[in-house]
């Protein structure tokens, strides 16, 4: 009989999760850009450290949580793309540990939690998750909240039912509150977590309804506290209107626009196909699920993950655009379900003494399939690995053309070039889609007038991506090219896979 302490087993599992995350996400340090959204948070964080606050010096349609986390990474590791990719790796490892905690809180076998963590880390390299996007940043907060909620549910349905305590509620509220400052899309998942925490105790009669109502009010206040606190700080600086515009009104305006149904179905299908083996294993878990009043650990964990996945799907659909990185919200509950499915497959196909090896094999196949999809794309195009990275080449040319302290205007290319090149901003709208693209109406600022102002100010450098001209409004493209023709010379051209990127320098 083994006398090993459970804490030693948990420590070993967490160490394995960290090592697996590092190995699976090593390629994140190769490309300068995976998803262009990351570049906006890079710019906001750099400006913040230089005294220019997010939404004021650099505008976005999200709250300030992402640039805050990026700024902390810059302070810890230096101002670079690699610093935020390390932040992403830390967040993925933390999410894996939280999924492991959720499985253990339900009473599931240790291997189920470890499998979920490894599968999550592997899946996280897909759908734009190789970079440090908002969905990667919020995942550890949401997963930790769900782990606490599942722990409360397990205590309520156990042989000695107990009501959830205030300590768990406070921790959950603050965790979701921190995630809300990154992106409001966590509202449905935060609401679900509270329901998982209190509903079993209510149904078992160990939590009075009056106390549940008080807990609901306290939870709502705790969730809102970080957002309100940040708003208060902005108010003291006289910037409350900018804070509310970028954090609340712009996301609301964004949610009013939607893509057509067939295009949405195409994007959903494409995302699901990339996660094919994980979905297949998750389907096994769902088919094996037998809900009952006094569920065992696997049944409880499966039920929580199924509902979590459904709510995450609603959160993905909410904004109405179904961009690839939105589907990263699927990954934590999907990883849990896939690991549970792998457990059932191992139990069915292998003798008890071989079940662990069979489980590891199934998890390994799921993780390898996801990683190989990313590795194939990395080798096929090879930016930064097999070939020079166009974004870094463009950045080097921009730095050369702008000179020390020079400003730049990136008309329709990656905003991360501002940070990599060290060029100053020429506008508070560094994300091209918000100024020259189709999302120019999200801010309460007249972006057409802002574009006129920027071009009249004659920034030292203008960057135009010929392969992305279709992302610009026709009128904006005409304005930019007219300004280039009248006052700029072509300084350099860099080949991108979709066409040339042109760097113009003022005459």
Protein backbone atom coordinates (compact mmCIF):
# COMPACT_ATOMS: atom_id res chain seq x y z
CA UNK A 1 0.00 0.00 0.00
CA UNK A 2 1.30 3.46 -0.90
CA UNK A 3 1.79 5.88 1.97
CA UNK A 4 2.58 8.82 -0.26
CA UNK A 5 0.92 12.05 0.85
CA UNK A 6 -1.84 13.37 -1.44
CA UNK A 7 -0.04 16.71 -1.40
CA UNK A 8 3.01 15.09 -2.98
CA UNK A 9 0.81 13.63 -5.69
CA UNK A 10 -0.81 16.99 -6.33
CA UNK A 11 2.57 18.73 -6.43
CA UNK A 12 3.82 16.20 -8.95
CA UNK A 13 0.72 16.70 -11.08
CA UNK A 14 1.14 20.48 -11.07
CA UNK A 15 4.80 20.12 -12.03
CA UNK A 16 3.81 17.89 -14.95
CA UNK A 17 1.18 20.42 -16.04
CA UNK A 18 3.75 23.22 -16.05
CA UNK A 19 6.30 21.17 -18.00
CA UNK A 20 3.68 20.07 -20.54
CA UNK A 21 2.53 23.67 -21.01
CA UNK A 22 6.06 24.90 -21.60
CA UNK A 23 6.79 22.19 -24.16
CA UNK A 24 3.49 22.53 -26.01
CA UNK A 25 3.68 26.33 -26.24
CA UNK A 26 7.37 26.78 -27.05
CA UNK A 27 6.53 27.81 -30.61
CA UNK A 28 4.66 30.84 -29.26
CA UNK A 29 8.01 32.62 -29.02
CA UNK A 30 8.71 32.23 -32.75
CA UNK A 31 6.28 34.50 -34.68
CA UNK A 32 5.97 38.20 -33.94
CA UNK A 33 2.25 38.09 -34.75
CA UNK A 34 -0.29 35.28 -34.50
CA UNK A 35 -3.45 37.35 -34.07
CA UNK A 36 -3.31 41.08 -34.71
CA UNK A 37 -5.45 41.94 -31.65
CA UNK A 38 -2.51 41.16 -29.37
CA UNK A 39 -0.61 44.07 -30.90
CA UNK A 40 -3.17 46.57 -29.64
CA UNK A 41 -2.67 45.44 -26.03
CA UNK A 42 1.09 45.65 -26.58
CA UNK A 43 0.70 49.28 -27.66
CA UNK A 44 -1.63 50.16 -24.79
CA UNK A 45 0.72 48.61 -22.23
CA UNK A 46 3.75 50.44 -23.63
CA UNK A 47 1.91 53.75 -23.65
CA UNK A 48 0.72 53.16 -20.08
CA UNK A 49 4.27 52.61 -18.86
CA UNK A 50 5.19 55.84 -20.66
CA UNK A 51 2.40 57.75 -18.93
CA UNK A 52 -0.41 57.41 -21.50
CA UNK A 53 -3.39 55.56 -20.07
CA UNK A 54 -5.41 52.92 -21.97
CA UNK A 55 -8.55 54.29 -23.66
CA UNK A 56 -7.06 57.80 -23.41
CA UNK A 57 -3.68 57.57 -25.17
CA UNK A 58 -4.53 54.32 -26.97
CA UNK A 59 -8.21 53.49 -27.50
CA UNK A 60 -9.87 50.08 -27.63
CA UNK A 61 -13.32 48.55 -27.30
CA UNK A 62 -12.33 46.49 -24.25
CA UNK A 63 -11.74 47.34 -20.60
CA UNK A 64 -8.23 47.93 -19.31
CA UNK A 65 -7.44 44.47 -17.93
CA UNK A 66 -5.47 43.16 -20.92
CA UNK A 67 -3.10 46.14 -21.13
CA UNK A 68 -2.76 46.03 -17.34
CA UNK A 69 -1.60 42.42 -17.46
CA UNK A 70 0.68 43.18 -20.41
CA UNK A 71 2.18 46.13 -18.51
CA UNK A 72 2.92 43.87 -15.55
CA UNK A 73 4.63 41.43 -17.92
CA UNK A 74 6.67 44.31 -19.36
CA UNK A 75 7.72 45.38 -15.88
CA UNK A 76 8.70 41.83 -14.99
CA UNK A 77 10.34 40.67 -18.21
CA UNK A 78 10.96 43.74 -20.37
CA UNK A 79 9.04 45.41 -23.19
CA UNK A 80 8.87 42.77 -25.91
CA UNK A 81 6.58 40.35 -27.70
CA UNK A 82 8.35 37.51 -25.91
CA UNK A 83 7.33 38.94 -22.53
CA UNK A 84 3.63 38.73 -23.31
CA UNK A 85 4.02 35.25 -24.82
CA UNK A 86 5.58 34.22 -21.50
CA UNK A 87 2.56 35.78 -19.81
CA UNK A 88 0.34 33.66 -22.06
CA UNK A 89 2.29 30.54 -21.10
CA UNK A 90 1.82 31.38 -17.41
CA UNK A 91 -1.92 31.89 -17.92
CA UNK A 92 -2.28 28.58 -19.75
CA UNK A 93 -0.37 26.75 -17.01
CA UNK A 94 -2.53 28.45 -14.37
CA UNK A 95 -5.70 27.45 -16.23
CA UNK A 96 -4.45 23.87 -16.41
CA UNK A 97 -3.84 23.86 -12.67
CA UNK A 98 -7.35 25.23 -12.11
CA UNK A 99 -8.86 22.48 -14.29
CA UNK A 100 -6.89 19.95 -12.29
CA UNK A 101 -8.29 21.57 -9.15
CA UNK A 102 -11.83 21.35 -10.53
CA UNK A 103 -11.45 17.63 -11.17
CA UNK A 104 -10.00 17.02 -7.71
CA UNK A 105 -12.70 19.17 -6.09
CA UNK A 106 -15.34 16.93 -7.67
CA UNK A 107 -13.50 13.88 -6.34
CA UNK A 108 -12.47 12.61 -9.78
CA UNK A 109 -9.27 10.59 -10.24
CA UNK A 110 -6.09 12.64 -10.35
CA UNK A 111 -5.37 11.53 -13.90
CA UNK A 112 -8.61 13.10 -15.15
CA UNK A 113 -7.49 16.51 -13.93
CA UNK A 114 -4.01 16.07 -15.33
CA UNK A 115 -5.41 14.95 -18.67
CA UNK A 116 -7.69 17.99 -18.83
CA UNK A 117 -4.75 20.31 -18.14
CA UNK A 118 -2.56 18.73 -20.82
CA UNK A 119 -5.37 18.72 -23.37
CA UNK A 120 -6.12 22.37 -22.63
CA UNK A 121 -2.48 23.34 -23.09
CA UNK A 122 -2.35 21.49 -26.40
CA UNK A 123 -5.62 22.93 -27.70
CA UNK A 124 -4.56 26.43 -26.66
CA UNK A 125 -2.08 26.64 -29.55
CA UNK A 126 -5.00 26.58 -32.02
CA UNK A 127 -7.54 29.24 -33.01
CA UNK A 128 -5.16 32.13 -32.40
CA UNK A 129 -4.45 30.98 -28.85
CA UNK A 130 -0.72 30.73 -29.49
CA UNK A 131 -0.55 34.47 -28.85
CA UNK A 132 -1.74 36.07 -25.62
CA UNK A 133 -5.28 36.99 -26.49
CA UNK A 134 -8.01 38.04 -24.05
CA UNK A 135 -9.51 34.55 -23.93
CA UNK A 136 -6.15 33.19 -22.74
CA UNK A 137 -5.92 35.96 -20.12
CA UNK A 138 -9.38 35.38 -18.62
CA UNK A 139 -9.23 31.58 -18.63
CA UNK A 140 -7.35 31.12 -15.32
CA UNK A 141 -9.78 33.41 -13.50
CA UNK A 142 -12.83 31.62 -14.90
CA UNK A 143 -11.43 28.12 -14.43
CA UNK A 144 -10.42 28.84 -10.83
CA UNK A 145 -13.92 30.19 -10.17
CA UNK A 146 -15.47 27.05 -11.63
CA UNK A 147 -13.19 24.88 -9.50
CA UNK A 148 -14.43 26.64 -6.35
CA UNK A 149 -18.03 26.34 -7.53
CA UNK A 150 -17.65 22.61 -8.24
CA UNK A 151 -16.09 22.15 -4.81
CA UNK A 152 -19.13 23.80 -3.25
CA UNK A 153 -21.50 21.63 -5.31
CA UNK A 154 -19.61 18.47 -4.33
CA UNK A 155 -19.93 19.36 -0.66
CA UNK A 156 -23.66 19.99 -1.05
CA UNK A 157 -24.42 16.63 -2.72
CA UNK A 158 -22.08 14.58 -0.53
CA UNK A 159 -23.09 12.20 2.25
CA UNK A 160 -22.90 15.07 4.78
CA UNK A 161 -24.34 18.01 2.82
CA UNK A 162 -22.88 21.42 3.59
CA UNK A 163 -23.78 24.90 2.40
CA UNK A 164 -21.13 26.95 0.58
CA UNK A 165 -19.18 29.37 2.72
CA UNK A 166 -18.52 33.05 2.31
CA UNK A 167 -14.80 32.60 1.70
CA UNK A 168 -15.41 30.70 -1.53
CA UNK A 169 -18.00 33.26 -2.60
CA UNK A 170 -15.63 36.19 -2.03
CA UNK A 171 -12.83 34.47 -3.94
CA UNK A 172 -15.16 33.62 -6.83
CA UNK A 173 -16.56 37.15 -7.03
CA UNK A 174 -13.14 38.79 -7.11
CA UNK A 175 -11.82 36.29 -9.67
CA UNK A 176 -14.72 36.96 -12.03
CA UNK A 177 -14.38 40.67 -11.29
CA UNK A 178 -10.76 40.59 -12.46
CA UNK A 179 -11.80 38.71 -15.60
CA UNK A 180 -14.55 41.27 -16.26
CA UNK A 181 -11.94 44.02 -16.37
CA UNK A 182 -10.33 42.10 -19.23
CA UNK A 183 -13.48 41.26 -21.19
CA UNK A 184 -17.20 41.34 -20.33
CA UNK A 185 -17.80 38.07 -22.16
CA UNK A 186 -17.27 36.26 -18.84
CA UNK A 187 -20.64 37.44 -17.48
CA UNK A 188 -22.49 34.23 -18.51
CA UNK A 189 -19.76 31.97 -17.10
CA UNK A 190 -19.59 33.99 -13.90
CA UNK A 191 -23.35 33.66 -13.48
CA UNK A 192 -23.15 29.92 -14.08
CA UNK A 193 -20.43 29.54 -11.47
CA UNK A 194 -22.67 31.11 -8.82
CA UNK A 195 -25.52 28.81 -9.84
CA UNK A 196 -23.30 25.73 -9.56
CA UNK A 197 -22.17 26.91 -6.13
CA UNK A 198 -25.57 27.52 -4.55
CA UNK A 199 -28.20 25.48 -6.43
CA UNK A 200 -27.28 22.02 -5.08
CA UNK A 201 -27.23 23.37 -1.53
CA UNK A 202 -30.60 25.04 -2.05
CA UNK A 203 -32.13 21.85 -3.42
CA UNK A 204 -30.71 19.79 -0.56
CA UNK A 205 -32.15 22.27 1.95
CA UNK A 206 -28.84 23.15 3.59
CA UNK A 207 -28.79 26.73 2.29
CA UNK A 208 -31.66 29.02 3.34
CA UNK A 209 -33.16 31.07 0.54
CA UNK A 210 -32.61 34.33 2.41
CA UNK A 211 -28.92 33.60 2.79
CA UNK A 212 -28.73 32.61 -0.90
CA UNK A 213 -30.26 35.97 -1.84
CA UNK A 214 -27.69 37.81 0.30
CA UNK A 215 -24.92 35.78 -1.32
CA UNK A 216 -26.24 36.70 -4.77
CA UNK A 217 -26.12 40.40 -3.93
CA UNK A 218 -22.65 40.10 -2.43
CA UNK A 219 -21.42 38.12 -5.44
CA UNK A 220 -22.74 40.70 -7.88
CA UNK A 221 -21.04 43.47 -5.93
CA UNK A 222 -17.74 41.61 -5.78
CA UNK A 223 -17.84 40.91 -9.51
CA UNK A 224 -18.46 44.59 -10.24
CA UNK A 225 -15.92 45.92 -7.72
CA UNK A 226 -12.73 45.83 -9.88
CA UNK A 227 -14.53 47.50 -12.80
CA UNK A 228 -16.01 50.19 -10.55
CA UNK A 229 -12.67 50.74 -8.83
CA UNK A 230 -10.93 51.26 -12.18
CA UNK A 231 -13.71 53.65 -13.21
CA UNK A 232 -13.22 55.62 -10.01
CA UNK A 233 -9.50 55.98 -10.72
CA UNK A 234 -10.26 57.24 -14.23
CA UNK A 235 -12.83 59.63 -12.77
CA UNK A 236 -10.22 61.13 -10.47
CA UNK A 237 -8.12 61.87 -13.57
CA UNK A 238 -11.06 63.41 -15.44
CA UNK A 239 -11.28 60.55 -17.94
CA UNK A 240 -14.49 58.80 -16.90
CA UNK A 241 -16.11 59.46 -20.27
CA UNK A 242 -13.23 57.76 -22.11
CA UNK A 243 -13.38 54.85 -19.66
CA UNK A 244 -17.11 54.32 -20.13
CA UNK A 245 -16.90 54.75 -23.89
CA UNK A 246 -14.23 52.10 -24.39
CA UNK A 247 -15.30 49.71 -21.63
CA UNK A 248 -19.10 49.79 -21.94
CA UNK A 249 -20.53 51.73 -24.85
CA UNK A 250 -18.17 50.49 -27.57
CA UNK A 251 -18.73 46.79 -26.72
CA UNK A 252 -22.48 47.48 -26.76
CA UNK A 253 -22.26 49.09 -30.20
CA UNK A 254 -20.14 46.18 -31.38
CA UNK A 255 -22.76 43.67 -30.23
CA UNK A 256 -25.42 45.34 -32.39
CA UNK A 257 -23.64 44.23 -35.58
CA UNK A 258 -23.64 40.58 -36.68
CA UNK A 259 -22.39 38.46 -39.56
CA UNK A 260 -24.77 36.43 -41.72
CA UNK A 261 -25.94 33.02 -40.54
CA UNK A 262 -24.15 30.94 -43.22
CA UNK A 263 -20.84 32.67 -42.50
CA UNK A 264 -21.32 32.12 -38.77
CA UNK A 265 -22.01 28.42 -39.40
CA UNK A 266 -18.84 28.19 -41.51
CA UNK A 267 -16.71 29.70 -38.76
CA UNK A 268 -18.26 27.45 -36.10
CA UNK A 269 -17.66 24.38 -38.24
CA UNK A 270 -14.06 25.36 -38.99
CA UNK A 271 -13.32 25.83 -35.30
CA UNK A 272 -14.96 22.52 -34.37
CA UNK A 273 -12.97 20.64 -37.01
CA UNK A 274 -9.70 21.92 -35.60
CA UNK A 275 -10.73 20.48 -32.24
CA UNK A 276 -12.02 17.26 -33.79
CA UNK A 277 -10.42 14.60 -31.57
CA UNK A 278 -11.20 16.56 -28.43
CA UNK A 279 -14.84 16.75 -29.47
CA UNK A 280 -14.87 13.02 -30.21
CA UNK A 281 -13.58 12.21 -26.74
CA UNK A 282 -15.98 14.72 -25.19
CA UNK A 283 -18.86 13.00 -26.98
CA UNK A 284 -17.90 9.74 -25.28
CA UNK A 285 -18.09 11.52 -21.91
CA UNK A 286 -21.53 12.91 -22.70
CA UNK A 287 -22.86 9.55 -23.91
CA UNK A 288 -21.58 7.86 -20.76
CA UNK A 289 -23.11 10.51 -18.51
CA UNK A 290 -25.96 9.29 -16.30
CA UNK A 291 -27.29 12.19 -14.19
CA UNK A 292 -28.76 11.26 -10.84
CA UNK A 293 -29.62 12.91 -7.55
CA UNK A 294 -26.55 11.72 -5.65
CA UNK A 295 -23.91 11.79 -8.41
CA UNK A 296 -20.47 10.32 -8.16
CA UNK A 297 -17.40 12.45 -8.91
CA UNK A 298 -17.28 11.73 -12.66
CA UNK A 299 -21.00 12.32 -13.07
CA UNK A 300 -20.82 15.62 -11.16
CA UNK A 301 -17.77 16.81 -13.10
CA UNK A 302 -19.34 15.83 -16.43
CA UNK A 303 -22.56 17.66 -15.64
CA UNK A 304 -20.71 20.83 -14.64
CA UNK A 305 -18.53 20.69 -17.78
CA UNK A 306 -21.51 20.11 -20.09
CA UNK A 307 -23.36 23.12 -18.73
CA UNK A 308 -20.14 25.17 -18.76
CA UNK A 309 -19.58 24.31 -22.41
CA UNK A 310 -23.15 25.31 -23.29
CA UNK A 311 -22.81 28.65 -21.52
CA UNK A 312 -19.42 29.26 -23.14
CA UNK A 313 -21.07 28.64 -26.51
CA UNK A 314 -23.65 31.31 -25.70
CA UNK A 315 -20.85 33.71 -24.74
CA UNK A 316 -19.14 33.02 -28.09
CA UNK A 317 -22.35 33.73 -29.98
CA UNK A 318 -23.10 36.93 -28.05
CA UNK A 319 -20.90 39.38 -29.99
CA UNK A 320 -22.15 37.95 -33.30
CA UNK A 321 -18.87 37.76 -35.26
CA UNK A 322 -17.45 34.32 -34.37
CA UNK A 323 -13.80 35.22 -34.87
CA UNK A 324 -11.49 32.24 -34.38
CA UNK A 325 -10.12 33.34 -31.02
CA UNK A 326 -13.65 33.59 -29.58
CA UNK A 327 -13.77 29.78 -29.64
CA UNK A 328 -10.94 29.64 -27.12
CA UNK A 329 -13.77 30.01 -24.58
CA UNK A 330 -14.71 26.43 -25.44
CA UNK A 331 -11.38 25.00 -24.40
CA UNK A 332 -11.55 24.71 -20.58
CA UNK A 333 -14.86 22.79 -20.44
CA UNK A 334 -14.01 20.90 -23.63
CA UNK A 335 -10.68 19.80 -22.13
CA UNK A 336 -12.48 18.50 -19.03
CA UNK A 337 -15.00 16.58 -21.13
CA UNK A 338 -12.28 15.20 -23.42
CA UNK A 339 -10.28 13.98 -20.43
CA UNK A 340 -13.38 12.35 -18.94
CA UNK A 341 -14.04 10.72 -22.31
CA UNK A 342 -10.46 9.45 -22.40
CA UNK A 343 -11.02 7.98 -18.91
CA UNK A 344 -14.15 6.14 -20.09
CA UNK A 345 -12.37 4.87 -23.20
CA UNK A 346 -9.48 3.56 -21.10
CA UNK A 347 -11.89 1.86 -18.68
CA UNK A 348 -13.72 0.17 -21.54
CA UNK A 349 -10.78 -0.96 -23.66
CA UNK A 350 -8.06 -1.90 -21.18
CA UNK A 351 -7.74 -4.22 -18.21
CA UNK A 352 -7.71 -2.38 -14.86
CA UNK A 353 -3.94 -2.66 -14.53
CA UNK A 354 -3.50 -1.19 -18.03
CA UNK A 355 -6.18 1.53 -17.77
CA UNK A 356 -3.71 4.24 -16.78
CA UNK A 357 -1.49 3.55 -19.78
CA UNK A 358 -4.52 3.49 -22.08
CA UNK A 359 -5.70 6.81 -20.65
CA UNK A 360 -2.30 8.41 -21.22
CA UNK A 361 -2.31 7.13 -24.78
CA UNK A 362 -5.71 8.65 -25.57
CA UNK A 363 -4.76 11.99 -23.99
CA UNK A 364 -1.47 11.92 -25.86
CA UNK A 365 -3.18 11.38 -29.20
CA UNK A 366 -5.59 14.28 -28.59
CA UNK A 367 -2.76 16.60 -27.53
CA UNK A 368 -0.48 15.52 -30.39
CA UNK A 369 -3.18 16.10 -33.00
CA UNK A 370 -3.70 19.68 -31.82
CA UNK A 371 0.01 20.44 -31.59
CA UNK A 372 0.72 18.95 -35.02
CA UNK A 373 -1.91 21.19 -36.63
CA UNK A 374 -0.06 24.24 -35.26
CA UNK A 375 3.37 22.81 -36.08
CA UNK A 376 2.32 22.09 -39.66
CA UNK A 377 1.24 25.69 -40.19
CA UNK A 378 4.41 26.94 -38.56
CA UNK A 379 6.56 24.85 -40.91
CA UNK A 380 4.45 25.47 -43.99
CA UNK A 381 4.66 29.26 -43.81
CA UNK A 382 7.66 29.43 -41.52
CA UNK A 383 7.76 33.11 -40.43
CA UNK A 384 10.47 33.43 -37.85
CA UNK A 385 11.30 29.73 -38.07
CA UNK A 386 12.10 28.69 -41.64
CA UNK A 387 12.03 32.17 -43.13
CA UNK A 388 12.52 35.75 -41.89
CA UNK A 389 9.53 37.12 -40.00
CA UNK A 390 7.85 39.83 -42.14
CA UNK A 391 6.56 41.70 -39.10
CA UNK A 392 10.03 41.97 -37.62
CA UNK A 393 11.43 43.05 -41.00
CA UNK A 394 8.74 45.73 -41.33
CA UNK A 395 9.47 46.87 -37.77
CA UNK A 396 13.18 47.16 -38.49
CA UNK A 397 12.49 49.26 -41.57
CA UNK A 398 10.01 51.46 -39.70
CA UNK A 399 12.59 52.05 -36.95
CA UNK A 400 15.16 53.00 -39.57
CA UNK A 401 12.80 55.30 -41.45
CA UNK A 402 11.30 56.98 -38.37
CA UNK A 403 14.59 57.48 -36.56
CA UNK A 404 14.90 58.02 -32.80
CA UNK A 405 11.68 59.46 -31.40
CA UNK A 406 9.97 59.45 -34.80
CA UNK A 407 6.26 58.74 -35.16
CA UNK A 408 4.48 56.35 -37.48
CA UNK A 409 0.99 55.70 -38.81
CA UNK A 410 0.14 52.07 -39.53
CA UNK A 411 -2.77 52.34 -41.93
CA UNK A 412 -3.73 48.68 -42.20
CA UNK A 413 -1.00 46.47 -40.77
CA UNK A 414 -0.21 44.94 -37.38
CA UNK A 415 -0.10 47.49 -34.51
CA UNK A 416 2.61 45.47 -32.80
CA UNK A 417 5.00 47.17 -35.23
CA UNK A 418 4.70 50.32 -33.08
CA UNK A 419 6.20 48.46 -30.12
CA UNK A 420 8.77 46.33 -31.93
CA UNK A 421 10.07 49.34 -33.89
CA UNK A 422 9.87 51.77 -30.99
CA UNK A 423 7.97 54.29 -33.13
CA UNK A 424 5.69 56.84 -31.47
CA UNK A 425 1.95 56.82 -32.08
CA UNK A 426 0.48 59.40 -34.40
CA UNK A 427 -3.10 58.69 -33.24
CA UNK A 428 -4.93 57.40 -30.17
CA UNK A 429 -6.49 54.77 -32.47
CA UNK A 430 -3.54 52.43 -33.11
CA UNK A 431 -5.75 49.51 -34.18
CA UNK A 432 -6.37 50.06 -37.91
CA UNK A 433 -9.87 48.58 -37.92
CA UNK A 434 -10.98 51.32 -35.50
CA UNK A 435 -9.72 54.15 -37.73
CA UNK A 436 -9.45 53.11 -41.36
CA UNK A 437 -11.43 49.87 -41.22
CA UNK A 438 -15.03 48.77 -40.84
CA UNK A 439 -15.26 49.27 -37.06
CA UNK A 440 -14.70 53.01 -37.22
CA UNK A 441 -18.11 53.72 -35.65
CA UNK A 442 -17.49 51.99 -32.30
CA UNK A 443 -15.99 55.03 -30.57
CA UNK A 444 -17.82 58.24 -29.71
CA UNK A 445 -14.94 60.07 -31.46
CA UNK A 446 -15.37 61.17 -35.07
CA UNK A 447 -12.78 58.81 -36.56
CA UNK A 448 -13.14 60.31 -40.03
CA UNK A 449 -12.04 63.67 -38.64
CA UNK A 450 -9.28 61.90 -36.70
CA UNK A 451 -7.93 60.34 -39.90
CA UNK A 452 -7.86 63.76 -41.55
CA UNK A 453 -5.98 65.13 -38.54
CA UNK A 454 -3.44 62.28 -38.54
CA UNK A 455 -2.62 62.67 -42.22
CA UNK A 456 -2.40 66.46 -41.90
CA UNK A 457 0.10 66.05 -39.06
CA UNK A 458 2.47 64.32 -41.51
CA UNK A 459 3.70 61.37 -39.45
CA UNK A 460 7.28 60.48 -40.24
CA UNK A 461 6.34 57.00 -41.52
CA UNK A 462 3.20 55.50 -43.06
CA UNK A 463 2.83 51.72 -43.41
CA UNK A 464 0.48 50.27 -46.03
CA UNK A 465 -0.19 46.56 -46.49
CA UNK A 466 -1.18 46.06 -50.13
CA UNK A 467 -2.55 42.60 -49.37
CA UNK A 468 -4.94 44.02 -46.79
CA UNK A 469 -6.34 46.94 -48.76
CA UNK A 470 -9.75 45.26 -48.60
CA UNK A 471 -9.77 45.76 -44.81
CA UNK A 472 -9.87 49.54 -45.27
CA UNK A 473 -12.92 51.57 -46.09
CA UNK A 474 -12.60 52.77 -49.71
CA UNK A 475 -12.73 56.42 -48.67
CA UNK A 476 -10.08 55.91 -46.00
CA UNK A 477 -7.81 54.03 -48.42
CA UNK A 478 -8.14 56.86 -50.94
CA UNK A 479 -7.26 59.44 -48.27
CA UNK A 480 -4.18 57.53 -47.14
CA UNK A 481 -2.86 56.91 -50.64
CA UNK A 482 -3.48 60.53 -51.63
CA UNK A 483 -1.42 61.69 -48.64
CA UNK A 484 1.33 59.22 -49.57
CA UNK A 485 1.42 60.45 -53.15
CA UNK A 486 1.60 64.09 -52.14
CA UNK A 487 4.22 63.96 -49.42
CA UNK A 488 5.99 60.60 -49.06
CA UNK A 489 8.61 58.48 -50.78
CA UNK A 490 8.71 54.71 -50.79
CA UNK A 491 11.41 53.79 -48.28
CA UNK A 492 11.18 49.99 -48.28
CA UNK A 493 9.01 47.05 -49.30
CA UNK A 494 8.69 43.81 -47.34
CA UNK A 495 7.10 40.69 -48.79
CA UNK A 496 4.20 39.26 -46.80
CA UNK A 497 2.50 36.01 -47.78
CA UNK A 498 -0.56 37.93 -48.98
CA UNK A 499 1.31 40.72 -50.78
CA UNK A 500 3.85 43.51 -50.26
CA UNK A 501 3.97 45.80 -47.23
CA UNK A 502 5.12 49.29 -48.17
CA UNK A 503 6.93 51.64 -45.77
CA UNK A 504 6.76 55.29 -46.79
CA UNK A 505 8.88 58.08 -45.31
CA UNK A 506 7.94 61.76 -45.34
CA UNK A 507 9.84 63.87 -47.84
